[in-house]
Full PDB file with SEQRES, HELIX, SHEET, SSBOND, CRYST1, ORIGX, SCALE, CONECT and MASTER records, all heavy atoms in Angstrom:
SEQRES   1 A   35  ARG ARG GLU SER LEU PHE LEU LEU ILE TRP PHE GLY VAL          
SEQRES   2 A   35  ILE PHE LEU PHE PHE THR PHE SER LYS GLY LYS ARG GLU          
SEQRES   3 A   35  LEU TYR LEU LEU PRO LEU TYR PRO ALA                          
HELIX    1 AA1 ARG A    2  PHE A   20  1                                  19    
HELIX    2 AA2 GLU A   26  LEU A   32  5                                   7    
CRYST1    1.000    1.000    1.000  90.00  90.00  90.00 P 1           1          
ORIGX1      1.000000  0.000000  0.000000        0.00000                         
ORIGX2      0.000000  1.000000  0.000000        0.00000                         
ORIGX3      0.000000  0.000000  1.000000        0.00000                         
SCALE1      1.000000  0.000000  0.000000        0.00000                         
SCALE2      0.000000  1.000000  0.000000        0.00000                         
SCALE3      0.000000  0.000000  1.000000        0.00000                         
ATOM      1  N   ARG A   1      40.114  43.472  27.524  1.00  0.00           N  
ATOM      2  CA  ARG A   1      40.512  42.730  26.331  1.00  0.00           C  
ATOM      3  C   ARG A   1      40.963  41.321  26.692  1.00  0.00           C  
ATOM      4  O   ARG A   1      40.653  40.371  25.990  1.00  0.00           O  
ATOM      5  CB  ARG A   1      41.602  43.483  25.598  1.00  0.00           C  
ATOM      6  CG  ARG A   1      41.971  42.863  24.292  1.00  0.00           C  
ATOM      7  CD  ARG A   1      43.081  43.657  23.619  1.00  0.00           C  
ATOM      8  NE  ARG A   1      43.357  43.056  22.355  1.00  0.00           N  
ATOM      9  CZ  ARG A   1      43.064  43.609  21.197  1.00  0.00           C  
ATOM     10  NH1 ARG A   1      42.495  44.770  21.162  1.00  0.00           N  
ATOM     11  NH2 ARG A   1      43.356  42.999  20.083  1.00  0.00           N  
ATOM     12  N   ARG A   2      41.665  41.196  27.784  1.00  0.00           N  
ATOM     13  CA  ARG A   2      42.142  39.875  28.224  1.00  0.00           C  
ATOM     14  C   ARG A   2      40.972  38.966  28.587  1.00  0.00           C  
ATOM     15  O   ARG A   2      40.937  37.800  28.214  1.00  0.00           O  
ATOM     16  CB  ARG A   2      43.075  40.041  29.418  1.00  0.00           C  
ATOM     17  CG  ARG A   2      43.806  38.769  29.777  1.00  0.00           C  
ATOM     18  CD  ARG A   2      44.797  39.004  30.861  1.00  0.00           C  
ATOM     19  NE  ARG A   2      45.788  39.973  30.402  1.00  0.00           N  
ATOM     20  CZ  ARG A   2      46.626  40.609  31.190  1.00  0.00           C  
ATOM     21  NH1 ARG A   2      46.597  40.415  32.482  1.00  0.00           N  
ATOM     22  NH2 ARG A   2      47.495  41.461  30.709  1.00  0.00           N  
ATOM     23  N   GLU A   3      39.988  39.511  29.306  1.00  0.00           N  
ATOM     24  CA  GLU A   3      38.806  38.731  29.661  1.00  0.00           C  
ATOM     25  C   GLU A   3      38.000  38.349  28.424  1.00  0.00           C  
ATOM     26  O   GLU A   3      37.534  37.225  28.296  1.00  0.00           O  
ATOM     27  CB  GLU A   3      37.920  39.526  30.614  1.00  0.00           C  
ATOM     28  CG  GLU A   3      38.546  39.783  31.952  1.00  0.00           C  
ATOM     29  CD  GLU A   3      37.783  40.808  32.748  1.00  0.00           C  
ATOM     30  OE1 GLU A   3      36.768  41.319  32.259  1.00  0.00           O  
ATOM     31  OE2 GLU A   3      38.206  41.097  33.876  1.00  0.00           O  
ATOM     32  N   SER A   4      37.855  39.299  27.522  1.00  0.00           N  
ATOM     33  CA  SER A   4      37.100  39.041  26.289  1.00  0.00           C  
ATOM     34  C   SER A   4      37.796  37.996  25.436  1.00  0.00           C  
ATOM     35  O   SER A   4      37.159  37.113  24.876  1.00  0.00           O  
ATOM     36  CB  SER A   4      36.945  40.330  25.488  1.00  0.00           C  
ATOM     37  OG  SER A   4      36.266  41.294  26.223  1.00  0.00           O  
ATOM     38  N   LEU A   5      39.110  38.103  25.341  1.00  0.00           N  
ATOM     39  CA  LEU A   5      39.867  37.146  24.547  1.00  0.00           C  
ATOM     40  C   LEU A   5      39.761  35.741  25.137  1.00  0.00           C  
ATOM     41  O   LEU A   5      39.628  34.768  24.396  1.00  0.00           O  
ATOM     42  CB  LEU A   5      41.329  37.580  24.466  1.00  0.00           C  
ATOM     43  CG  LEU A   5      42.217  36.811  23.515  1.00  0.00           C  
ATOM     44  CD1 LEU A   5      41.696  36.936  22.084  1.00  0.00           C  
ATOM     45  CD2 LEU A   5      43.636  37.317  23.607  1.00  0.00           C  
ATOM     46  N   PHE A   6      39.777  35.641  26.462  1.00  0.00           N  
ATOM     47  CA  PHE A   6      39.619  34.342  27.115  1.00  0.00           C  
ATOM     48  C   PHE A   6      38.277  33.718  26.756  1.00  0.00           C  
ATOM     49  O   PHE A   6      38.199  32.540  26.393  1.00  0.00           O  
ATOM     50  CB  PHE A   6      39.755  34.489  28.634  1.00  0.00           C  
ATOM     51  CG  PHE A   6      39.431  33.228  29.375  1.00  0.00           C  
ATOM     52  CD1 PHE A   6      40.298  32.152  29.345  1.00  0.00           C  
ATOM     53  CD2 PHE A   6      38.253  33.109  30.090  1.00  0.00           C  
ATOM     54  CE1 PHE A   6      40.000  30.977  30.015  1.00  0.00           C  
ATOM     55  CE2 PHE A   6      37.945  31.949  30.768  1.00  0.00           C  
ATOM     56  CZ  PHE A   6      38.825  30.885  30.735  1.00  0.00           C  
ATOM     57  N   LEU A   7      37.200  34.500  26.831  1.00  0.00           N  
ATOM     58  CA  LEU A   7      35.873  33.970  26.513  1.00  0.00           C  
ATOM     59  C   LEU A   7      35.760  33.566  25.048  1.00  0.00           C  
ATOM     60  O   LEU A   7      35.189  32.526  24.722  1.00  0.00           O  
ATOM     61  CB  LEU A   7      34.803  35.006  26.849  1.00  0.00           C  
ATOM     62  CG  LEU A   7      34.544  35.236  28.324  1.00  0.00           C  
ATOM     63  CD1 LEU A   7      33.605  36.415  28.511  1.00  0.00           C  
ATOM     64  CD2 LEU A   7      33.979  33.995  28.966  1.00  0.00           C  
ATOM     65  N   LEU A   8      36.303  34.394  24.162  1.00  0.00           N  
ATOM     66  CA  LEU A   8      36.220  34.074  22.740  1.00  0.00           C  
ATOM     67  C   LEU A   8      37.034  32.840  22.383  1.00  0.00           C  
ATOM     68  O   LEU A   8      36.605  32.010  21.574  1.00  0.00           O  
ATOM     69  CB  LEU A   8      36.670  35.277  21.907  1.00  0.00           C  
ATOM     70  CG  LEU A   8      35.735  36.481  21.944  1.00  0.00           C  
ATOM     71  CD1 LEU A   8      36.358  37.669  21.224  1.00  0.00           C  
ATOM     72  CD2 LEU A   8      34.394  36.136  21.348  1.00  0.00           C  
ATOM     73  N   ILE A   9      38.201  32.689  22.986  1.00  0.00           N  
ATOM     74  CA  ILE A   9      39.027  31.499  22.724  1.00  0.00           C  
ATOM     75  C   ILE A   9      38.357  30.260  23.307  1.00  0.00           C  
ATOM     76  O   ILE A   9      38.331  29.207  22.661  1.00  0.00           O  
ATOM     77  CB  ILE A   9      40.448  31.685  23.284  1.00  0.00           C  
ATOM     78  CG1 ILE A   9      41.194  32.714  22.426  1.00  0.00           C  
ATOM     79  CG2 ILE A   9      41.210  30.379  23.314  1.00  0.00           C  
ATOM     80  CD1 ILE A   9      42.553  33.092  22.972  1.00  0.00           C  
ATOM     81  N   TRP A  10      37.821  30.365  24.509  1.00  0.00           N  
ATOM     82  CA  TRP A  10      37.120  29.250  25.140  1.00  0.00           C  
ATOM     83  C   TRP A  10      35.990  28.765  24.252  1.00  0.00           C  
ATOM     84  O   TRP A  10      35.873  27.573  23.960  1.00  0.00           O  
ATOM     85  CB  TRP A  10      36.605  29.703  26.495  1.00  0.00           C  
ATOM     86  CG  TRP A  10      35.814  28.713  27.298  1.00  0.00           C  
ATOM     87  CD1 TRP A  10      35.646  27.385  27.055  1.00  0.00           C  
ATOM     88  CD2 TRP A  10      35.092  28.992  28.492  1.00  0.00           C  
ATOM     89  NE1 TRP A  10      34.852  26.817  28.027  1.00  0.00           N  
ATOM     90  CE2 TRP A  10      34.501  27.781  28.924  1.00  0.00           C  
ATOM     91  CE3 TRP A  10      34.889  30.134  29.242  1.00  0.00           C  
ATOM     92  CZ2 TRP A  10      33.725  27.714  30.063  1.00  0.00           C  
ATOM     93  CZ3 TRP A  10      34.118  30.043  30.385  1.00  0.00           C  
ATOM     94  CH2 TRP A  10      33.550  28.847  30.779  1.00  0.00           C  
ATOM     95  N   PHE A  11      35.156  29.673  23.791  1.00  0.00           N  
ATOM     96  CA  PHE A  11      34.032  29.299  22.943  1.00  0.00           C  
ATOM     97  C   PHE A  11      34.518  28.817  21.577  1.00  0.00           C  
ATOM     98  O   PHE A  11      34.062  27.791  21.064  1.00  0.00           O  
ATOM     99  CB  PHE A  11      33.082  30.488  22.767  1.00  0.00           C  
ATOM    100  CG  PHE A  11      31.863  30.150  21.977  1.00  0.00           C  
ATOM    101  CD1 PHE A  11      30.790  29.538  22.589  1.00  0.00           C  
ATOM    102  CD2 PHE A  11      31.795  30.419  20.627  1.00  0.00           C  
ATOM    103  CE1 PHE A  11      29.659  29.208  21.864  1.00  0.00           C  
ATOM    104  CE2 PHE A  11      30.670  30.099  19.895  1.00  0.00           C  
ATOM    105  CZ  PHE A  11      29.603  29.490  20.511  1.00  0.00           C  
ATOM    106  N   GLY A  12      35.451  29.528  20.974  1.00  0.00           N  
ATOM    107  CA  GLY A  12      35.901  29.218  19.618  1.00  0.00           C  
ATOM    108  C   GLY A  12      36.606  27.880  19.486  1.00  0.00           C  
ATOM    109  O   GLY A  12      36.351  27.131  18.539  1.00  0.00           O  
ATOM    110  N   VAL A  13      37.480  27.562  20.423  1.00  0.00           N  
ATOM    111  CA  VAL A  13      38.234  26.304  20.341  1.00  0.00           C  
ATOM    112  C   VAL A  13      37.294  25.101  20.454  1.00  0.00           C  
ATOM    113  O   VAL A  13      37.371  24.160  19.657  1.00  0.00           O  
ATOM    114  CB  VAL A  13      39.330  26.260  21.427  1.00  0.00           C  
ATOM    115  CG1 VAL A  13      39.902  24.871  21.581  1.00  0.00           C  
ATOM    116  CG2 VAL A  13      40.425  27.250  21.101  1.00  0.00           C  
ATOM    117  N   ILE A  14      36.409  25.145  21.416  1.00  0.00           N  
ATOM    118  CA  ILE A  14      35.486  24.012  21.589  1.00  0.00           C  
ATOM    119  C   ILE A  14      34.540  23.904  20.393  1.00  0.00           C  
ATOM    120  O   ILE A  14      34.287  22.812  19.882  1.00  0.00           O  
ATOM    121  CB  ILE A  14      34.705  24.145  22.906  1.00  0.00           C  
ATOM    122  CG1 ILE A  14      35.678  24.041  24.083  1.00  0.00           C  
ATOM    123  CG2 ILE A  14      33.629  23.083  23.020  1.00  0.00           C  
ATOM    124  CD1 ILE A  14      35.064  24.374  25.426  1.00  0.00           C  
ATOM    125  N   PHE A  15      34.037  25.044  19.931  1.00  0.00           N  
ATOM    126  CA  PHE A  15      33.110  25.034  18.806  1.00  0.00           C  
ATOM    127  C   PHE A  15      33.781  24.502  17.536  1.00  0.00           C  
ATOM    128  O   PHE A  15      33.235  23.650  16.836  1.00  0.00           O  
ATOM    129  CB  PHE A  15      32.574  26.449  18.559  1.00  0.00           C  
ATOM    130  CG  PHE A  15      31.577  26.520  17.460  1.00  0.00           C  
ATOM    131  CD1 PHE A  15      30.278  26.085  17.654  1.00  0.00           C  
ATOM    132  CD2 PHE A  15      31.929  27.023  16.210  1.00  0.00           C  
ATOM    133  CE1 PHE A  15      29.349  26.149  16.630  1.00  0.00           C  
ATOM    134  CE2 PHE A  15      31.015  27.090  15.188  1.00  0.00           C  
ATOM    135  CZ  PHE A  15      29.720  26.651  15.395  1.00  0.00           C  
ATOM    136  N   LEU A  16      34.987  24.984  17.244  1.00  0.00           N  
ATOM    137  CA  LEU A  16      35.686  24.516  16.043  1.00  0.00           C  
ATOM    138  C   LEU A  16      36.098  23.052  16.149  1.00  0.00           C  
ATOM    139  O   LEU A  16      36.012  22.308  15.165  1.00  0.00           O  
ATOM    140  CB  LEU A  16      36.910  25.391  15.769  1.00  0.00           C  
ATOM    141  CG  LEU A  16      36.600  26.798  15.294  1.00  0.00           C  
ATOM    142  CD1 LEU A  16      37.884  27.599  15.179  1.00  0.00           C  
ATOM    143  CD2 LEU A  16      35.860  26.769  13.971  1.00  0.00           C  
ATOM    144  N   PHE A  17      36.551  22.628  17.319  1.00  0.00           N  
ATOM    145  CA  PHE A  17      36.961  21.240  17.485  1.00  0.00           C  
ATOM    146  C   PHE A  17      35.808  20.289  17.210  1.00  0.00           C  
ATOM    147  O   PHE A  17      35.950  19.315  16.472  1.00  0.00           O  
ATOM    148  CB  PHE A  17      37.516  21.015  18.893  1.00  0.00           C  
ATOM    149  CG  PHE A  17      37.924  19.593  19.140  1.00  0.00           C  
ATOM    150  CD1 PHE A  17      39.117  19.103  18.619  1.00  0.00           C  
ATOM    151  CD2 PHE A  17      37.117  18.744  19.874  1.00  0.00           C  
ATOM    152  CE1 PHE A  17      39.501  17.787  18.844  1.00  0.00           C  
ATOM    153  CE2 PHE A  17      37.485  17.436  20.102  1.00  0.00           C  
ATOM    154  CZ  PHE A  17      38.679  16.962  19.583  1.00  0.00           C  
ATOM    155  N   PHE A  18      34.660  20.562  17.787  1.00  0.00           N  
ATOM    156  CA  PHE A  18      33.529  19.655  17.602  1.00  0.00           C  
ATOM    157  C   PHE A  18      32.806  19.877  16.279  1.00  0.00           C  
ATOM    158  O   PHE A  18      32.027  19.024  15.862  1.00  0.00           O  
ATOM    159  CB  PHE A  18      32.567  19.745  18.778  1.00  0.00           C  
ATOM    160  CG  PHE A  18      33.127  19.086  20.010  1.00  0.00           C  
ATOM    161  CD1 PHE A  18      33.447  19.829  21.122  1.00  0.00           C  
ATOM    162  CD2 PHE A  18      33.366  17.726  20.028  1.00  0.00           C  
ATOM    163  CE1 PHE A  18      33.977  19.223  22.243  1.00  0.00           C  
ATOM    164  CE2 PHE A  18      33.897  17.112  21.142  1.00  0.00           C  
ATOM    165  CZ  PHE A  18      34.203  17.871  22.253  1.00  0.00           C  
ATOM    166  N   THR A  19      33.052  21.002  15.627  1.00  0.00           N  
ATOM    167  CA  THR A  19      32.507  21.189  14.284  1.00  0.00           C  
ATOM    168  C   THR A  19      33.222  20.279  13.295  1.00  0.00           C  
ATOM    169  O   THR A  19      32.598  19.693  12.406  1.00  0.00           O  
ATOM    170  CB  THR A  19      32.656  22.652  13.839  1.00  0.00           C  
ATOM    171  OG1 THR A  19      31.895  23.472  14.725  1.00  0.00           O  
ATOM    172  CG2 THR A  19      32.152  22.860  12.429  1.00  0.00           C  
ATOM    173  N   PHE A  20      34.538  20.143  13.456  1.00  0.00           N  
ATOM    174  CA  PHE A  20      35.313  19.338  12.519  1.00  0.00           C  
ATOM    175  C   PHE A  20      35.431  17.866  12.906  1.00  0.00           C  
ATOM    176  O   PHE A  20      35.938  17.065  12.121  1.00  0.00           O  
ATOM    177  CB  PHE A  20      36.708  19.931  12.337  1.00  0.00           C  
ATOM    178  CG  PHE A  20      36.684  21.272  11.667  1.00  0.00           C  
ATOM    179  CD1 PHE A  20      37.194  22.386  12.292  1.00  0.00           C  
ATOM    180  CD2 PHE A  20      36.120  21.421  10.409  1.00  0.00           C  
ATOM    181  CE1 PHE A  20      37.167  23.617  11.679  1.00  0.00           C  
ATOM    182  CE2 PHE A  20      36.081  22.650   9.787  1.00  0.00           C  
ATOM    183  CZ  PHE A  20      36.611  23.757  10.429  1.00  0.00           C  
ATOM    184  N   SER A  21      34.986  17.487  14.082  1.00  0.00           N  
ATOM    185  CA  SER A  21      35.081  16.082  14.471  1.00  0.00           C  
ATOM    186  C   SER A  21      33.998  15.268  13.775  1.00  0.00           C  
ATOM    187  O   SER A  21      32.924  15.761  13.464  1.00  0.00           O  
ATOM    188  CB  SER A  21      34.963  15.938  15.992  1.00  0.00           C  
ATOM    189  OG  SER A  21      33.667  16.249  16.402  1.00  0.00           O  
ATOM    190  N   LYS A  22      34.297  14.018  13.556  1.00  0.00           N  
ATOM    191  CA  LYS A  22      33.359  13.149  12.836  1.00  0.00           C  
ATOM    192  C   LYS A  22      32.257  12.623  13.750  1.00  0.00           C  
ATOM    193  O   LYS A  22      31.124  12.466  13.328  1.00  0.00           O  
ATOM    194  CB  LYS A  22      34.110  11.987  12.196  1.00  0.00           C  
ATOM    195  CG  LYS A  22      35.013  12.451  11.099  1.00  0.00           C  
ATOM    196  CD  LYS A  22      35.715  11.316  10.440  1.00  0.00           C  
ATOM    197  CE  LYS A  22      36.630  11.868   9.357  1.00  0.00           C  
ATOM    198  NZ  LYS A  22      37.233  10.845   8.565  1.00  0.00           N  
ATOM    199  N   GLY A  23      32.573  12.311  14.970  1.00  0.00           N  
ATOM    200  CA  GLY A  23      31.566  11.808  15.902  1.00  0.00           C  
ATOM    201  C   GLY A  23      30.904  12.966  16.632  1.00  0.00           C  
ATOM    202  O   GLY A  23      31.524  13.616  17.451  1.00  0.00           O  
ATOM    203  N   LYS A  24      29.668  13.227  16.329  1.00  0.00           N  
ATOM    204  CA  LYS A  24      28.971  14.355  16.938  1.00  0.00           C  
ATOM    205  C   LYS A  24      27.873  13.855  17.873  1.00  0.00           C  
ATOM    206  O   LYS A  24      27.037  13.069  17.490  1.00  0.00           O  
ATOM    207  CB  LYS A  24      28.354  15.230  15.853  1.00  0.00           C  
ATOM    208  CG  LYS A  24      29.378  15.921  14.991  1.00  0.00           C  
ATOM    209  CD  LYS A  24      28.681  16.850  14.044  1.00  0.00           C  
ATOM    210  CE  LYS A  24      29.529  17.655  13.145  1.00  0.00           C  
ATOM    211  NZ  LYS A  24      30.834  17.438  12.876  1.00  0.00           N  
ATOM    212  N   ARG A  25      27.913  14.351  19.091  1.00  0.00           N  
ATOM    213  CA  ARG A  25      26.862  14.086  20.070  1.00  0.00           C  
ATOM    214  C   ARG A  25      26.580  15.385  20.797  1.00  0.00           C  
ATOM    215  O   ARG A  25      27.472  16.188  21.026  1.00  0.00           O  
ATOM    216  CB  ARG A  25      27.305  13.036  21.080  1.00  0.00           C  
ATOM    217  CG  ARG A  25      27.404  11.649  20.485  1.00  0.00           C  
ATOM    218  CD  ARG A  25      27.725  10.618  21.530  1.00  0.00           C  
ATOM    219  NE  ARG A  25      26.702  10.614  22.566  1.00  0.00           N  
ATOM    220  CZ  ARG A  25      26.887  10.090  23.760  1.00  0.00           C  
ATOM    221  NH1 ARG A  25      28.044   9.540  24.065  1.00  0.00           N  
ATOM    222  NH2 ARG A  25      25.931  10.109  24.657  1.00  0.00           N  
ATOM    223  N   GLU A  26      25.343  15.581  21.187  1.00  0.00           N  
ATOM    224  CA  GLU A  26      24.977  16.809  21.876  1.00  0.00           C  
ATOM    225  C   GLU A  26      25.681  16.926  23.224  1.00  0.00           C  
ATOM    226  O   GLU A  26      25.956  18.018  23.701  1.00  0.00           O  
ATOM    227  CB  GLU A  26      23.458  16.880  22.070  1.00  0.00           C  
ATOM    228  CG  GLU A  26      22.679  17.026  20.782  1.00  0.00           C  
ATOM    229  CD  GLU A  26      22.449  15.688  20.081  1.00  0.00           C  
ATOM    230  OE1 GLU A  26      22.585  14.625  20.717  1.00  0.00           O  
ATOM    231  OE2 GLU A  26      22.148  15.727  18.882  1.00  0.00           O  
ATOM    232  N   LEU A  27      25.985  15.813  23.822  1.00  0.00           N  
ATOM    233  CA  LEU A  27      26.646  15.794  25.116  1.00  0.00           C  
ATOM    234  C   LEU A  27      28.022  16.453  25.052  1.00  0.00           C  
ATOM    235  O   LEU A  27      28.455  17.099  26.002  1.00  0.00           O  
ATOM    236  CB  LEU A  27      26.771  14.345  25.610  1.00  0.00           C  
ATOM    237  CG  LEU A  27      27.429  14.121  26.952  1.00  0.00           C  
ATOM    238  CD1 LEU A  27      26.568  14.727  28.050  1.00  0.00           C  
ATOM    239  CD2 LEU A  27      27.629  12.643  27.191  1.00  0.00           C  
ATOM    240  N   TYR A  28      28.702  16.324  23.921  1.00  0.00           N  
ATOM    241  CA  TYR A  28      30.038  16.886  23.778  1.00  0.00           C  
ATOM    242  C   TYR A  28      30.019  18.417  23.728  1.00  0.00           C  
ATOM    243  O   TYR A  28      31.049  19.044  23.958  1.00  0.00           O  
ATOM    244  CB  TYR A  28      30.714  16.359  22.524  1.00  0.00           C  
ATOM    245  CG  TYR A  28      30.974  14.881  22.544  1.00  0.00           C  
ATOM    246  CD1 TYR A  28      31.026  14.158  21.368  1.00  0.00           C  
ATOM    247  CD2 TYR A  28      31.167  14.193  23.731  1.00  0.00           C  
ATOM    248  CE1 TYR A  28      31.262  12.794  21.368  1.00  0.00           C  
ATOM    249  CE2 TYR A  28      31.411  12.831  23.743  1.00  0.00           C  
ATOM    250  CZ  TYR A  28      31.450  12.141  22.560  1.00  0.00           C  
ATOM    251  OH  TYR A  28      31.687  10.800  22.565  1.00  0.00           O  
ATOM    252  N   LEU A  29      28.896  19.010  23.424  1.00  0.00           N  
ATOM    253  CA  LEU A  29      28.818  20.466  23.328  1.00  0.00           C  
ATOM    254  C   LEU A  29      28.530  21.139  24.664  1.00  0.00           C  
ATOM    255  O   LEU A  29      28.437  22.359  24.729  1.00  0.00           O  
ATOM    256  CB  LEU A  29      27.757  20.867  22.309  1.00  0.00           C  
ATOM    257  CG  LEU A  29      28.049  20.440  20.873  1.00  0.00           C  
ATOM    258  CD1 LEU A  29      26.906  20.860  19.982  1.00  0.00           C  
ATOM    259  CD2 LEU A  29      29.349  21.031  20.386  1.00  0.00           C  
ATOM    260  N   LEU A  30      28.385  20.385  25.726  1.00  0.00           N  
ATOM    261  CA  LEU A  30      28.090  20.965  27.036  1.00  0.00           C  
ATOM    262  C   LEU A  30      29.129  21.989  27.505  1.00  0.00           C  
ATOM    263  O   LEU A  30      28.759  22.973  28.139  1.00  0.00           O  
ATOM    264  CB  LEU A  30      27.914  19.874  28.082  1.00  0.00           C  
ATOM    265  CG  LEU A  30      26.588  19.130  28.034  1.00  0.00           C  
ATOM    266  CD1 LEU A  30      26.574  18.039  29.095  1.00  0.00           C  
ATOM    267  CD2 LEU A  30      25.428  20.068  28.234  1.00  0.00           C  
ATOM    268  N   PRO A  31      30.432  21.834  27.223  1.00  0.00           N  
ATOM    269  CA  PRO A  31      31.380  22.873  27.655  1.00  0.00           C  
ATOM    270  C   PRO A  31      31.184  24.212  26.952  1.00  0.00           C  
ATOM    271  O   PRO A  31      31.735  25.216  27.392  1.00  0.00           O  
ATOM    272  CB  PRO A  31      32.752  22.287  27.309  1.00  0.00           C  
ATOM    273  CG  PRO A  31      32.548  20.833  27.243  1.00  0.00           C  
ATOM    274  CD  PRO A  31      31.149  20.629  26.764  1.00  0.00           C  
ATOM    275  N   LEU A  32      30.410  24.258  25.886  1.00  0.00           N  
ATOM    276  CA  LEU A  32      30.141  25.533  25.209  1.00  0.00           C  
ATOM    277  C   LEU A  32      29.170  26.403  25.986  1.00  0.00           C  
ATOM    278  O   LEU A  32      29.237  27.628  25.911  1.00  0.00           O  
ATOM    279  CB  LEU A  32      29.529  25.278  23.823  1.00  0.00           C  
ATOM    280  CG  LEU A  32      30.460  24.968  22.693  1.00  0.00           C  
ATOM    281  CD1 LEU A  32      29.662  24.718  21.433  1.00  0.00           C  
ATOM    282  CD2 LEU A  32      31.430  26.086  22.473  1.00  0.00           C  
ATOM    283  N   TYR A  33      28.248  25.811  26.700  1.00  0.00           N  
ATOM    284  CA  TYR A  33      27.175  26.566  27.335  1.00  0.00           C  
ATOM    285  C   TYR A  33      27.645  27.560  28.395  1.00  0.00           C  
ATOM    286  O   TYR A  33      27.132  28.677  28.441  1.00  0.00           O  
ATOM    287  CB  TYR A  33      26.109  25.632  27.899  1.00  0.00           C  
ATOM    288  CG  TYR A  33      25.373  24.888  26.818  1.00  0.00           C  
ATOM    289  CD1 TYR A  33      25.177  23.527  26.891  1.00  0.00           C  
ATOM    290  CD2 TYR A  33      24.882  25.550  25.695  1.00  0.00           C  
ATOM    291  CE1 TYR A  33      24.501  22.843  25.887  1.00  0.00           C  
ATOM    292  CE2 TYR A  33      24.209  24.882  24.697  1.00  0.00           C  
ATOM    293  CZ  TYR A  33      24.020  23.522  24.800  1.00  0.00           C  
ATOM    294  OH  TYR A  33      23.366  22.861  23.810  1.00  0.00           O  
ATOM    295  N   PRO A  34      28.589  27.219  29.264  1.00  0.00           N  
ATOM    296  CA  PRO A  34      29.046  28.240  30.215  1.00  0.00           C  
ATOM    297  C   PRO A  34      29.693  29.446  29.533  1.00  0.00           C  
ATOM    298  O   PRO A  34      29.426  30.585  29.903  1.00  0.00           O  
ATOM    299  CB  PRO A  34      30.053  27.507  31.101  1.00  0.00           C  
ATOM    300  CG  PRO A  34      29.727  26.081  30.967  1.00  0.00           C  
ATOM    301  CD  PRO A  34      29.177  25.903  29.578  1.00  0.00           C  
ATOM    302  N   ALA A  35      30.524  29.195  28.529  1.00  0.00           N  
ATOM    303  CA  ALA A  35      31.156  30.307  27.819  1.00  0.00           C  
ATOM    304  C   ALA A  35      30.110  31.154  27.102  1.00  0.00           C  
ATOM    305  O   ALA A  35      30.159  32.391  27.150  1.00  0.00           O  
ATOM    306  CB  ALA A  35      32.181  29.776  26.810  1.00  0.00           C  
TER     307      ALA A  35                                                      
MASTER        0    0    0    2    0    0    0    6  306    1    0    3          
END                                                                             
């Protein structure tokens, strides 16, 4: 559960942050790919 929660938070925080940001570039989504 701890490992799963880490992966879900890692993916979710980055995804939500860049979903709501006004300046969108594909380069900013690179930290999503490892998760």
